[in-house]
N, C-alpha and C. Protein backbone atom coordinates (compact mmCIF):
# COMPACT_ATOMS: atom_id res chain seq x y z
N MET A 1 -22.99 -9.44 56.36
CA MET A 1 -23.82 -10.13 55.44
C MET A 1 -23.28 -9.90 54.04
N ALA A 2 -23.25 -10.94 53.23
CA ALA A 2 -22.67 -10.86 51.89
C ALA A 2 -23.72 -10.38 50.90
N LYS A 3 -23.25 -9.53 50.02
CA LYS A 3 -24.13 -9.05 48.96
C LYS A 3 -24.14 -10.05 47.83
N VAL A 4 -25.27 -10.22 47.25
CA VAL A 4 -25.38 -11.09 46.08
C VAL A 4 -25.30 -10.20 44.85
N VAL A 5 -24.30 -10.48 44.04
CA VAL A 5 -24.11 -9.69 42.82
C VAL A 5 -24.43 -10.59 41.63
N THR A 6 -25.28 -10.11 40.80
CA THR A 6 -25.60 -10.89 39.60
C THR A 6 -24.73 -10.38 38.46
N VAL A 7 -24.21 -11.30 37.75
CA VAL A 7 -23.37 -10.94 36.61
C VAL A 7 -24.11 -11.33 35.35
N GLU A 8 -24.38 -10.33 34.55
CA GLU A 8 -25.07 -10.59 33.29
C GLU A 8 -24.05 -10.62 32.17
N LYS A 9 -24.34 -11.45 31.21
CA LYS A 9 -23.48 -11.51 30.04
C LYS A 9 -23.63 -10.20 29.28
N PRO A 10 -22.49 -9.57 28.95
CA PRO A 10 -22.60 -8.31 28.21
C PRO A 10 -23.21 -8.56 26.84
N THR A 11 -24.13 -7.74 26.47
CA THR A 11 -24.77 -7.90 25.16
C THR A 11 -24.24 -6.83 24.23
N ALA A 12 -23.95 -7.26 23.06
CA ALA A 12 -23.47 -6.32 22.05
C ALA A 12 -24.66 -5.60 21.44
N ASN A 13 -24.39 -4.52 20.86
CA ASN A 13 -25.41 -3.78 20.16
C ASN A 13 -26.02 -4.72 19.11
N ARG A 14 -27.33 -4.64 18.94
CA ARG A 14 -28.00 -5.56 18.02
C ARG A 14 -27.47 -5.44 16.59
N MET A 15 -27.04 -4.29 16.20
CA MET A 15 -26.56 -4.10 14.84
C MET A 15 -25.05 -4.36 14.71
N ALA A 16 -24.36 -4.48 15.82
CA ALA A 16 -22.90 -4.66 15.76
C ALA A 16 -22.54 -5.95 15.04
N TRP A 17 -23.27 -7.02 15.27
CA TRP A 17 -22.93 -8.27 14.61
C TRP A 17 -23.18 -8.19 13.11
N LEU A 18 -24.22 -7.43 12.71
CA LEU A 18 -24.46 -7.25 11.28
C LEU A 18 -23.35 -6.43 10.63
N GLY A 19 -22.85 -5.43 11.35
CA GLY A 19 -21.73 -4.64 10.84
C GLY A 19 -20.48 -5.49 10.66
N MET A 20 -20.21 -6.35 11.64
CA MET A 20 -19.05 -7.23 11.54
C MET A 20 -19.25 -8.24 10.40
N LEU A 21 -20.47 -8.75 10.25
CA LEU A 21 -20.77 -9.68 9.17
C LEU A 21 -20.56 -9.01 7.82
N PHE A 22 -21.02 -7.78 7.69
CA PHE A 22 -20.86 -7.04 6.44
C PHE A 22 -19.39 -6.76 6.14
N ARG A 23 -18.63 -6.36 7.16
CA ARG A 23 -17.19 -6.12 6.96
C ARG A 23 -16.49 -7.41 6.54
N GLY A 24 -16.85 -8.51 7.18
CA GLY A 24 -16.27 -9.80 6.80
C GLY A 24 -16.60 -10.17 5.37
N LEU A 25 -17.83 -9.89 4.96
CA LEU A 25 -18.24 -10.17 3.59
C LEU A 25 -17.44 -9.32 2.59
N LEU A 26 -17.25 -8.05 2.91
CA LEU A 26 -16.45 -7.19 2.03
C LEU A 26 -15.00 -7.64 1.95
N ILE A 27 -14.42 -8.02 3.08
CA ILE A 27 -13.04 -8.49 3.09
C ILE A 27 -12.92 -9.78 2.29
N ALA A 28 -13.87 -10.71 2.47
CA ALA A 28 -13.85 -11.96 1.72
C ALA A 28 -14.02 -11.69 0.22
N ALA A 29 -14.89 -10.75 -0.14
CA ALA A 29 -15.07 -10.40 -1.55
C ALA A 29 -13.79 -9.82 -2.13
N ALA A 30 -13.09 -8.99 -1.36
CA ALA A 30 -11.82 -8.43 -1.83
C ALA A 30 -10.79 -9.55 -2.03
N GLY A 31 -10.73 -10.49 -1.10
CA GLY A 31 -9.82 -11.62 -1.25
C GLY A 31 -10.16 -12.46 -2.46
N GLY A 32 -11.44 -12.71 -2.69
CA GLY A 32 -11.87 -13.45 -3.87
C GLY A 32 -11.51 -12.72 -5.16
N PHE A 33 -11.68 -11.40 -5.17
CA PHE A 33 -11.30 -10.61 -6.34
C PHE A 33 -9.82 -10.76 -6.62
N ILE A 34 -9.01 -10.69 -5.58
CA ILE A 34 -7.56 -10.81 -5.76
C ILE A 34 -7.20 -12.19 -6.30
N ILE A 35 -7.86 -13.24 -5.78
CA ILE A 35 -7.55 -14.60 -6.23
C ILE A 35 -8.01 -14.84 -7.67
N PHE A 36 -9.23 -14.49 -7.98
CA PHE A 36 -9.81 -14.85 -9.28
C PHE A 36 -9.54 -13.83 -10.38
N TYR A 37 -9.20 -12.62 -10.03
CA TYR A 37 -8.91 -11.58 -11.02
C TYR A 37 -7.54 -10.96 -10.73
N THR A 38 -6.54 -11.81 -10.68
CA THR A 38 -5.19 -11.36 -10.31
C THR A 38 -4.68 -10.29 -11.27
N ASP A 39 -4.89 -10.48 -12.58
CA ASP A 39 -4.41 -9.50 -13.56
C ASP A 39 -5.07 -8.14 -13.35
N ASN A 40 -6.38 -8.14 -13.11
CA ASN A 40 -7.06 -6.87 -12.86
C ASN A 40 -6.59 -6.24 -11.56
N PHE A 41 -6.33 -7.08 -10.54
CA PHE A 41 -5.83 -6.55 -9.29
C PHE A 41 -4.46 -5.90 -9.48
N ILE A 42 -3.60 -6.54 -10.30
CA ILE A 42 -2.28 -5.96 -10.56
C ILE A 42 -2.42 -4.61 -11.24
N ARG A 43 -3.36 -4.52 -12.17
CA ARG A 43 -3.59 -3.22 -12.84
C ARG A 43 -4.10 -2.19 -11.83
N LEU A 44 -5.04 -2.60 -11.01
CA LEU A 44 -5.58 -1.69 -9.99
C LEU A 44 -4.48 -1.26 -9.02
N LEU A 45 -3.63 -2.21 -8.64
CA LEU A 45 -2.51 -1.90 -7.76
C LEU A 45 -1.55 -0.91 -8.41
N THR A 46 -1.30 -1.09 -9.70
CA THR A 46 -0.40 -0.17 -10.42
C THR A 46 -0.98 1.23 -10.46
N VAL A 47 -2.28 1.34 -10.73
CA VAL A 47 -2.92 2.66 -10.75
C VAL A 47 -2.89 3.28 -9.36
N ALA A 48 -3.14 2.47 -8.33
CA ALA A 48 -3.12 2.99 -6.95
C ALA A 48 -1.72 3.45 -6.57
N ILE A 49 -0.71 2.66 -6.94
CA ILE A 49 0.68 3.07 -6.65
C ILE A 49 1.02 4.33 -7.43
N GLY A 50 0.55 4.42 -8.66
CA GLY A 50 0.79 5.62 -9.46
C GLY A 50 0.17 6.86 -8.82
N ALA A 51 -1.06 6.73 -8.34
CA ALA A 51 -1.71 7.86 -7.67
C ALA A 51 -0.95 8.23 -6.40
N TRP A 52 -0.52 7.22 -5.65
CA TRP A 52 0.25 7.46 -4.43
C TRP A 52 1.57 8.16 -4.77
N MET A 53 2.19 7.77 -5.88
CA MET A 53 3.46 8.39 -6.29
C MET A 53 3.26 9.86 -6.67
N VAL A 54 2.16 10.16 -7.36
CA VAL A 54 1.90 11.55 -7.73
C VAL A 54 1.68 12.39 -6.48
N ILE A 55 0.86 11.90 -5.57
CA ILE A 55 0.59 12.64 -4.33
C ILE A 55 1.87 12.81 -3.51
N GLY A 56 2.63 11.73 -3.36
CA GLY A 56 3.90 11.80 -2.63
C GLY A 56 4.90 12.72 -3.31
N GLY A 57 4.92 12.68 -4.65
CA GLY A 57 5.84 13.55 -5.39
C GLY A 57 5.52 15.02 -5.20
N VAL A 58 4.24 15.35 -5.22
CA VAL A 58 3.84 16.75 -5.01
C VAL A 58 4.19 17.19 -3.59
N MET A 59 3.92 16.32 -2.62
CA MET A 59 4.24 16.67 -1.23
C MET A 59 5.75 16.82 -1.02
N THR A 60 6.54 15.94 -1.64
CA THR A 60 7.99 16.03 -1.53
C THR A 60 8.51 17.28 -2.22
N LEU A 61 7.92 17.63 -3.36
CA LEU A 61 8.33 18.83 -4.09
C LEU A 61 8.07 20.08 -3.27
N VAL A 62 6.90 20.14 -2.63
CA VAL A 62 6.60 21.29 -1.78
C VAL A 62 7.59 21.36 -0.62
N GLY A 63 7.87 20.22 -0.01
CA GLY A 63 8.82 20.19 1.10
C GLY A 63 10.24 20.50 0.67
N ALA A 64 10.59 20.13 -0.57
CA ALA A 64 11.96 20.37 -1.05
C ALA A 64 12.25 21.86 -1.18
N PHE A 65 11.27 22.63 -1.56
CA PHE A 65 11.50 24.06 -1.72
C PHE A 65 11.58 24.79 -0.38
N ARG A 66 11.18 24.12 0.68
CA ARG A 66 11.31 24.72 2.01
C ARG A 66 12.69 24.50 2.61
N VAL A 67 13.45 23.57 2.06
CA VAL A 67 14.81 23.29 2.56
C VAL A 67 15.73 24.37 2.02
N LYS A 68 16.29 25.15 2.91
CA LYS A 68 17.14 26.27 2.48
C LYS A 68 18.63 26.02 2.73
N ASN A 69 18.94 25.28 3.80
CA ASN A 69 20.34 25.18 4.20
C ASN A 69 21.09 24.01 3.58
N ASP A 70 20.42 23.01 3.02
CA ASP A 70 21.09 21.84 2.47
C ASP A 70 20.70 21.71 0.99
N LYS A 71 21.54 22.30 0.13
CA LYS A 71 21.23 22.35 -1.29
C LYS A 71 21.23 20.95 -1.91
N ARG A 72 22.14 20.10 -1.46
CA ARG A 72 22.21 18.73 -2.00
C ARG A 72 20.94 17.95 -1.67
N ARG A 73 20.49 18.03 -0.45
CA ARG A 73 19.26 17.34 -0.04
C ARG A 73 18.06 17.87 -0.82
N ARG A 74 18.02 19.18 -1.01
CA ARG A 74 16.92 19.78 -1.78
C ARG A 74 16.93 19.26 -3.21
N ASN A 75 18.12 19.16 -3.83
CA ASN A 75 18.20 18.68 -5.20
C ASN A 75 17.79 17.20 -5.30
N TYR A 76 18.21 16.38 -4.33
CA TYR A 76 17.79 14.98 -4.30
C TYR A 76 16.27 14.89 -4.19
N SER A 77 15.71 15.70 -3.32
CA SER A 77 14.27 15.66 -3.11
C SER A 77 13.52 16.12 -4.35
N ILE A 78 14.03 17.15 -5.01
CA ILE A 78 13.38 17.63 -6.24
C ILE A 78 13.44 16.56 -7.32
N LEU A 79 14.59 15.92 -7.48
CA LEU A 79 14.74 14.86 -8.47
C LEU A 79 13.78 13.72 -8.19
N ARG A 80 13.73 13.30 -6.95
CA ARG A 80 12.83 12.21 -6.57
C ARG A 80 11.38 12.58 -6.79
N SER A 81 11.01 13.79 -6.43
CA SER A 81 9.61 14.19 -6.57
C SER A 81 9.20 14.31 -8.04
N VAL A 82 10.09 14.81 -8.88
CA VAL A 82 9.77 14.91 -10.31
C VAL A 82 9.62 13.51 -10.91
N LEU A 83 10.51 12.60 -10.54
CA LEU A 83 10.38 11.21 -11.00
C LEU A 83 9.07 10.60 -10.53
N ASN A 84 8.72 10.81 -9.27
CA ASN A 84 7.46 10.28 -8.75
C ASN A 84 6.26 10.82 -9.51
N ILE A 85 6.25 12.11 -9.77
CA ILE A 85 5.12 12.73 -10.45
C ILE A 85 4.99 12.22 -11.89
N VAL A 86 6.11 12.15 -12.61
CA VAL A 86 6.06 11.72 -14.01
C VAL A 86 5.66 10.25 -14.12
N ILE A 87 6.34 9.39 -13.39
CA ILE A 87 6.03 7.95 -13.47
C ILE A 87 4.64 7.67 -12.90
N GLY A 88 4.27 8.35 -11.84
CA GLY A 88 2.93 8.17 -11.27
C GLY A 88 1.84 8.60 -12.24
N ALA A 89 2.07 9.71 -12.93
CA ALA A 89 1.09 10.18 -13.91
C ALA A 89 0.96 9.19 -15.06
N ILE A 90 2.07 8.61 -15.48
CA ILE A 90 2.01 7.58 -16.53
C ILE A 90 1.23 6.37 -16.04
N ALA A 91 1.49 5.94 -14.80
CA ALA A 91 0.80 4.78 -14.26
C ALA A 91 -0.70 5.02 -14.14
N VAL A 92 -1.09 6.21 -13.74
CA VAL A 92 -2.52 6.51 -13.58
C VAL A 92 -3.20 6.63 -14.94
N SER A 93 -2.54 7.24 -15.91
CA SER A 93 -3.17 7.47 -17.21
C SER A 93 -3.03 6.30 -18.17
N MET A 94 -2.18 5.34 -17.88
CA MET A 94 -1.92 4.23 -18.79
C MET A 94 -3.18 3.47 -19.21
N PRO A 95 -4.12 3.17 -18.32
CA PRO A 95 -5.28 2.39 -18.78
C PRO A 95 -6.13 3.12 -19.82
N PHE A 96 -6.02 4.41 -19.87
CA PHE A 96 -6.84 5.17 -20.80
C PHE A 96 -6.21 5.31 -22.18
N PHE A 97 -4.91 4.98 -22.32
CA PHE A 97 -4.23 5.25 -23.58
C PHE A 97 -3.69 4.02 -24.31
N VAL A 98 -3.34 2.99 -23.63
CA VAL A 98 -2.70 1.86 -24.31
C VAL A 98 -3.42 0.56 -24.02
N ALA A 99 -3.06 -0.43 -24.79
CA ALA A 99 -3.67 -1.76 -24.65
C ALA A 99 -3.11 -2.49 -23.45
N GLN A 100 -3.69 -3.63 -23.18
CA GLN A 100 -3.35 -4.43 -22.01
C GLN A 100 -1.90 -4.91 -22.02
N THR A 101 -1.32 -5.13 -23.17
CA THR A 101 0.03 -5.70 -23.24
C THR A 101 1.09 -4.76 -22.69
N TYR A 102 0.82 -3.51 -22.56
CA TYR A 102 1.83 -2.57 -22.07
C TYR A 102 1.91 -2.50 -20.56
N TRP A 103 1.04 -3.22 -19.87
CA TRP A 103 1.07 -3.18 -18.41
C TRP A 103 2.36 -3.72 -17.85
N VAL A 104 2.90 -4.76 -18.48
CA VAL A 104 4.15 -5.33 -17.99
C VAL A 104 5.26 -4.30 -18.09
N VAL A 105 5.29 -3.59 -19.21
CA VAL A 105 6.30 -2.53 -19.38
C VAL A 105 6.12 -1.46 -18.32
N LEU A 106 4.89 -1.07 -18.07
CA LEU A 106 4.63 -0.06 -17.06
C LEU A 106 5.05 -0.53 -15.68
N LEU A 107 4.77 -1.79 -15.36
CA LEU A 107 5.19 -2.32 -14.07
C LEU A 107 6.70 -2.23 -13.90
N PHE A 108 7.43 -2.57 -14.94
CA PHE A 108 8.88 -2.49 -14.85
C PHE A 108 9.37 -1.04 -14.73
N ILE A 109 8.72 -0.13 -15.43
CA ILE A 109 9.11 1.29 -15.34
C ILE A 109 8.87 1.81 -13.92
N VAL A 110 7.70 1.50 -13.37
CA VAL A 110 7.39 1.94 -12.00
C VAL A 110 8.37 1.30 -11.02
N ALA A 111 8.69 0.01 -11.22
CA ALA A 111 9.62 -0.67 -10.32
C ALA A 111 11.02 -0.04 -10.38
N ILE A 112 11.48 0.30 -11.58
CA ILE A 112 12.79 0.95 -11.71
C ILE A 112 12.78 2.30 -11.03
N GLN A 113 11.69 3.05 -11.19
CA GLN A 113 11.60 4.34 -10.54
C GLN A 113 11.61 4.19 -9.03
N LEU A 114 10.95 3.15 -8.52
CA LEU A 114 10.95 2.92 -7.08
C LEU A 114 12.35 2.56 -6.57
N ILE A 115 13.12 1.83 -7.36
CA ILE A 115 14.51 1.52 -6.98
C ILE A 115 15.32 2.82 -6.93
N VAL A 116 15.14 3.68 -7.93
CA VAL A 116 15.85 4.97 -7.93
C VAL A 116 15.43 5.79 -6.72
N ALA A 117 14.13 5.80 -6.42
CA ALA A 117 13.65 6.54 -5.26
C ALA A 117 14.22 5.97 -3.97
N ALA A 118 14.36 4.64 -3.89
CA ALA A 118 14.94 4.02 -2.70
C ALA A 118 16.39 4.44 -2.52
N VAL A 119 17.13 4.50 -3.61
CA VAL A 119 18.54 4.93 -3.54
C VAL A 119 18.62 6.39 -3.09
N ILE A 120 17.78 7.23 -3.67
CA ILE A 120 17.78 8.66 -3.30
C ILE A 120 17.38 8.84 -1.84
N GLU A 121 16.35 8.10 -1.40
CA GLU A 121 15.93 8.18 0.01
C GLU A 121 17.05 7.73 0.95
N THR A 122 17.77 6.69 0.54
CA THR A 122 18.89 6.22 1.36
C THR A 122 19.96 7.31 1.46
N MET A 123 20.26 7.97 0.34
CA MET A 123 21.25 9.05 0.37
C MET A 123 20.77 10.20 1.26
N ILE A 124 19.49 10.52 1.17
CA ILE A 124 18.94 11.57 2.03
C ILE A 124 19.04 11.15 3.49
N GLY A 125 18.74 9.88 3.76
CA GLY A 125 18.83 9.38 5.13
C GLY A 125 20.24 9.50 5.69
N PHE A 126 21.25 9.16 4.89
CA PHE A 126 22.63 9.29 5.35
C PHE A 126 23.02 10.75 5.56
N ARG A 127 22.52 11.63 4.69
CA ARG A 127 22.79 13.07 4.87
C ARG A 127 22.14 13.58 6.16
N LEU A 128 20.92 13.15 6.42
CA LEU A 128 20.24 13.57 7.64
C LEU A 128 20.97 13.04 8.87
N ARG A 129 21.38 11.79 8.81
CA ARG A 129 22.08 11.18 9.94
C ARG A 129 23.40 11.90 10.20
N SER A 130 24.14 12.24 9.13
CA SER A 130 25.42 12.93 9.33
C SER A 130 25.22 14.33 9.88
N ALA A 131 24.05 14.91 9.61
CA ALA A 131 23.75 16.24 10.15
C ALA A 131 23.17 16.16 11.56
N GLY A 132 23.01 14.94 12.07
CA GLY A 132 22.49 14.77 13.42
C GLY A 132 20.98 14.87 13.51
N LEU A 133 20.30 14.74 12.38
CA LEU A 133 18.84 14.82 12.35
C LEU A 133 18.25 13.42 12.29
N PRO A 134 16.99 13.26 12.67
CA PRO A 134 16.35 11.94 12.59
C PRO A 134 16.26 11.48 11.13
N ALA A 135 16.72 10.28 10.86
CA ALA A 135 16.76 9.77 9.49
C ALA A 135 15.94 8.51 9.30
N SER A 136 15.28 8.04 10.32
CA SER A 136 14.57 6.77 10.21
C SER A 136 13.46 6.83 9.17
N GLY A 137 12.80 7.95 9.02
CA GLY A 137 11.73 8.08 8.03
C GLY A 137 12.23 7.88 6.62
N ALA A 138 13.40 8.41 6.31
CA ALA A 138 13.98 8.24 4.98
C ALA A 138 14.35 6.78 4.73
N PHE A 139 14.91 6.13 5.75
CA PHE A 139 15.29 4.73 5.59
C PHE A 139 14.06 3.83 5.45
N VAL A 140 13.01 4.13 6.19
CA VAL A 140 11.78 3.35 6.08
C VAL A 140 11.16 3.55 4.70
N ALA A 141 11.15 4.78 4.20
CA ALA A 141 10.62 5.05 2.86
C ALA A 141 11.44 4.31 1.80
N ALA A 142 12.75 4.26 1.97
CA ALA A 142 13.60 3.53 1.03
C ALA A 142 13.29 2.05 1.06
N LEU A 143 13.11 1.51 2.24
CA LEU A 143 12.81 0.08 2.38
C LEU A 143 11.46 -0.26 1.76
N ILE A 144 10.47 0.58 1.99
CA ILE A 144 9.14 0.34 1.42
C ILE A 144 9.19 0.44 -0.10
N SER A 145 9.89 1.44 -0.63
CA SER A 145 10.02 1.58 -2.09
C SER A 145 10.70 0.37 -2.69
N PHE A 146 11.74 -0.11 -2.03
CA PHE A 146 12.46 -1.27 -2.52
C PHE A 146 11.58 -2.52 -2.50
N ALA A 147 10.82 -2.70 -1.42
CA ALA A 147 9.94 -3.87 -1.31
C ALA A 147 8.85 -3.85 -2.38
N ILE A 148 8.24 -2.70 -2.61
CA ILE A 148 7.20 -2.60 -3.63
C ILE A 148 7.81 -2.83 -5.01
N ALA A 149 9.03 -2.34 -5.25
CA ALA A 149 9.70 -2.57 -6.53
C ALA A 149 9.93 -4.05 -6.78
N ILE A 150 10.32 -4.77 -5.75
CA ILE A 150 10.55 -6.21 -5.91
C ILE A 150 9.23 -6.90 -6.27
N VAL A 151 8.15 -6.53 -5.59
CA VAL A 151 6.85 -7.13 -5.90
C VAL A 151 6.46 -6.81 -7.34
N LEU A 152 6.70 -5.57 -7.79
CA LEU A 152 6.34 -5.20 -9.16
C LEU A 152 7.22 -5.91 -10.18
N PHE A 153 8.49 -6.13 -9.85
CA PHE A 153 9.34 -6.90 -10.76
C PHE A 153 8.85 -8.33 -10.87
N LEU A 154 8.33 -8.88 -9.79
CA LEU A 154 7.87 -10.26 -9.79
C LEU A 154 6.44 -10.40 -10.30
N ALA A 155 5.66 -9.35 -10.28
CA ALA A 155 4.23 -9.44 -10.58
C ALA A 155 3.92 -10.04 -11.95
N PRO A 156 4.62 -9.72 -13.03
CA PRO A 156 4.25 -10.32 -14.30
C PRO A 156 4.59 -11.81 -14.37
N GLU A 157 5.47 -12.25 -13.57
CA GLU A 157 5.88 -13.65 -13.59
C GLU A 157 5.00 -14.49 -12.68
N PHE A 158 5.15 -15.80 -12.79
CA PHE A 158 4.34 -16.74 -12.02
C PHE A 158 4.50 -16.52 -10.52
N LEU A 159 5.73 -16.31 -10.07
CA LEU A 159 5.98 -16.16 -8.65
C LEU A 159 5.24 -14.95 -8.09
N GLY A 160 5.26 -13.86 -8.80
CA GLY A 160 4.56 -12.66 -8.34
C GLY A 160 3.06 -12.86 -8.30
N GLN A 161 2.51 -13.53 -9.33
CA GLN A 161 1.08 -13.77 -9.34
C GLN A 161 0.69 -14.77 -8.25
N ALA A 162 1.55 -15.75 -8.02
CA ALA A 162 1.28 -16.70 -6.94
C ALA A 162 1.31 -15.99 -5.59
N LEU A 163 2.26 -15.07 -5.41
CA LEU A 163 2.34 -14.31 -4.16
C LEU A 163 1.07 -13.48 -3.96
N ILE A 164 0.63 -12.84 -5.01
CA ILE A 164 -0.58 -12.02 -4.91
C ILE A 164 -1.80 -12.90 -4.65
N ALA A 165 -1.87 -14.08 -5.30
CA ALA A 165 -2.97 -15.00 -5.05
C ALA A 165 -2.95 -15.51 -3.62
N ALA A 166 -1.74 -15.74 -3.07
CA ALA A 166 -1.63 -16.17 -1.66
C ALA A 166 -2.12 -15.08 -0.73
N ILE A 167 -1.76 -13.84 -1.02
CA ILE A 167 -2.25 -12.72 -0.21
C ILE A 167 -3.78 -12.64 -0.30
N GLY A 168 -4.31 -12.84 -1.50
CA GLY A 168 -5.76 -12.87 -1.68
C GLY A 168 -6.41 -13.98 -0.88
N GLY A 169 -5.76 -15.16 -0.84
CA GLY A 169 -6.28 -16.27 -0.05
C GLY A 169 -6.31 -15.95 1.43
N ILE A 170 -5.27 -15.30 1.92
CA ILE A 170 -5.22 -14.92 3.33
C ILE A 170 -6.33 -13.91 3.64
N ILE A 171 -6.51 -12.95 2.75
CA ILE A 171 -7.56 -11.95 2.95
C ILE A 171 -8.94 -12.61 2.92
N LEU A 172 -9.14 -13.54 1.98
CA LEU A 172 -10.40 -14.26 1.91
C LEU A 172 -10.65 -15.05 3.20
N PHE A 173 -9.63 -15.74 3.69
CA PHE A 173 -9.74 -16.50 4.93
C PHE A 173 -10.10 -15.59 6.11
N LEU A 174 -9.43 -14.44 6.20
CA LEU A 174 -9.73 -13.51 7.29
C LEU A 174 -11.17 -13.00 7.21
N GLY A 175 -11.66 -12.76 6.00
CA GLY A 175 -13.04 -12.34 5.84
C GLY A 175 -14.03 -13.40 6.30
N VAL A 176 -13.75 -14.66 5.96
CA VAL A 176 -14.63 -15.75 6.38
C VAL A 176 -14.61 -15.91 7.90
N VAL A 177 -13.41 -15.80 8.49
CA VAL A 177 -13.30 -15.90 9.95
C VAL A 177 -14.08 -14.77 10.61
N LEU A 178 -13.97 -13.57 10.07
CA LEU A 178 -14.71 -12.43 10.64
C LEU A 178 -16.21 -12.64 10.53
N MET A 179 -16.67 -13.19 9.39
CA MET A 179 -18.10 -13.46 9.25
C MET A 179 -18.55 -14.52 10.25
N ALA A 180 -17.75 -15.57 10.42
CA ALA A 180 -18.10 -16.63 11.37
C ALA A 180 -18.13 -16.08 12.79
N TYR A 181 -17.17 -15.22 13.13
CA TYR A 181 -17.12 -14.65 14.47
C TYR A 181 -18.31 -13.72 14.72
N SER A 182 -18.80 -13.09 13.67
CA SER A 182 -19.94 -12.17 13.86
C SER A 182 -21.16 -12.92 14.36
N PHE A 183 -21.30 -14.18 14.00
CA PHE A 183 -22.46 -14.94 14.47
C PHE A 183 -22.40 -15.22 15.96
N ARG A 184 -21.20 -15.18 16.54
CA ARG A 184 -21.09 -15.32 18.00
C ARG A 184 -21.67 -14.11 18.71
N LEU A 185 -21.63 -12.96 18.06
CA LEU A 185 -22.13 -11.73 18.68
C LEU A 185 -23.63 -11.52 18.43
N ARG A 186 -24.21 -12.36 17.61
CA ARG A 186 -25.62 -12.22 17.27
C ARG A 186 -26.49 -12.41 18.51
N PRO A 187 -27.39 -11.49 18.73
CA PRO A 187 -28.29 -11.66 19.90
C PRO A 187 -29.21 -12.86 19.67
N LYS A 188 -29.51 -13.53 20.77
CA LYS A 188 -30.34 -14.73 20.66
C LYS A 188 -31.78 -14.44 20.92
C-alpha cells in the first residue's frame, strides 16, 4: 500500500522578509547616495582608503620587524608601511584641516603612494618566489593597489565620476531587486 505524503510549501520566518526588505532598502539608499552625492562619496572613499592604509601600514610594520633572515624584504616592507601610515594619516585627517579644493591633490597623492606600494609589493613577491615561498598574496596586493590607484587617478575627472555613478546605479538596482524579492517571501 502506498503512503500518501503531503508536501507543504516551506514558510520563511515571518520576520525574514522584513529583514531582506530592510537590507534592500539600505543597499538602495547607498546606491542613491553614490549616484547623487558622488563628490561626497569620493571623499568618504578617500578617508576609508586612508584608514585602511594606516591599519595595513601598522600591520606590515609589525610583520616587517619579525623578518630576520631577509634584510632586503624587511627594508621594502618597512618603507611601504611607513608610506602607508603617513599617506593614510594625511587622507584621514585631511577633511579636518583643509578646504574642499585640496581633495583632488590628496587623491593624486594617495594614488601615487598606491603605485609605489604596488611596485614594492611586486618586488617582495618576486623575492618570495625566488626563495621558494608563496608569493601570490604579494602579487594580489600589488594588483589591488594598482587598481585602486587607477580609480583614484580617474576619480576627479568625468570618467572616474561616471564610473562611480555607474557603480552606484548597479548598487541601487541590486537594492531594488532585493526589496522586490523580499515580497515573495512575505507570509500571506
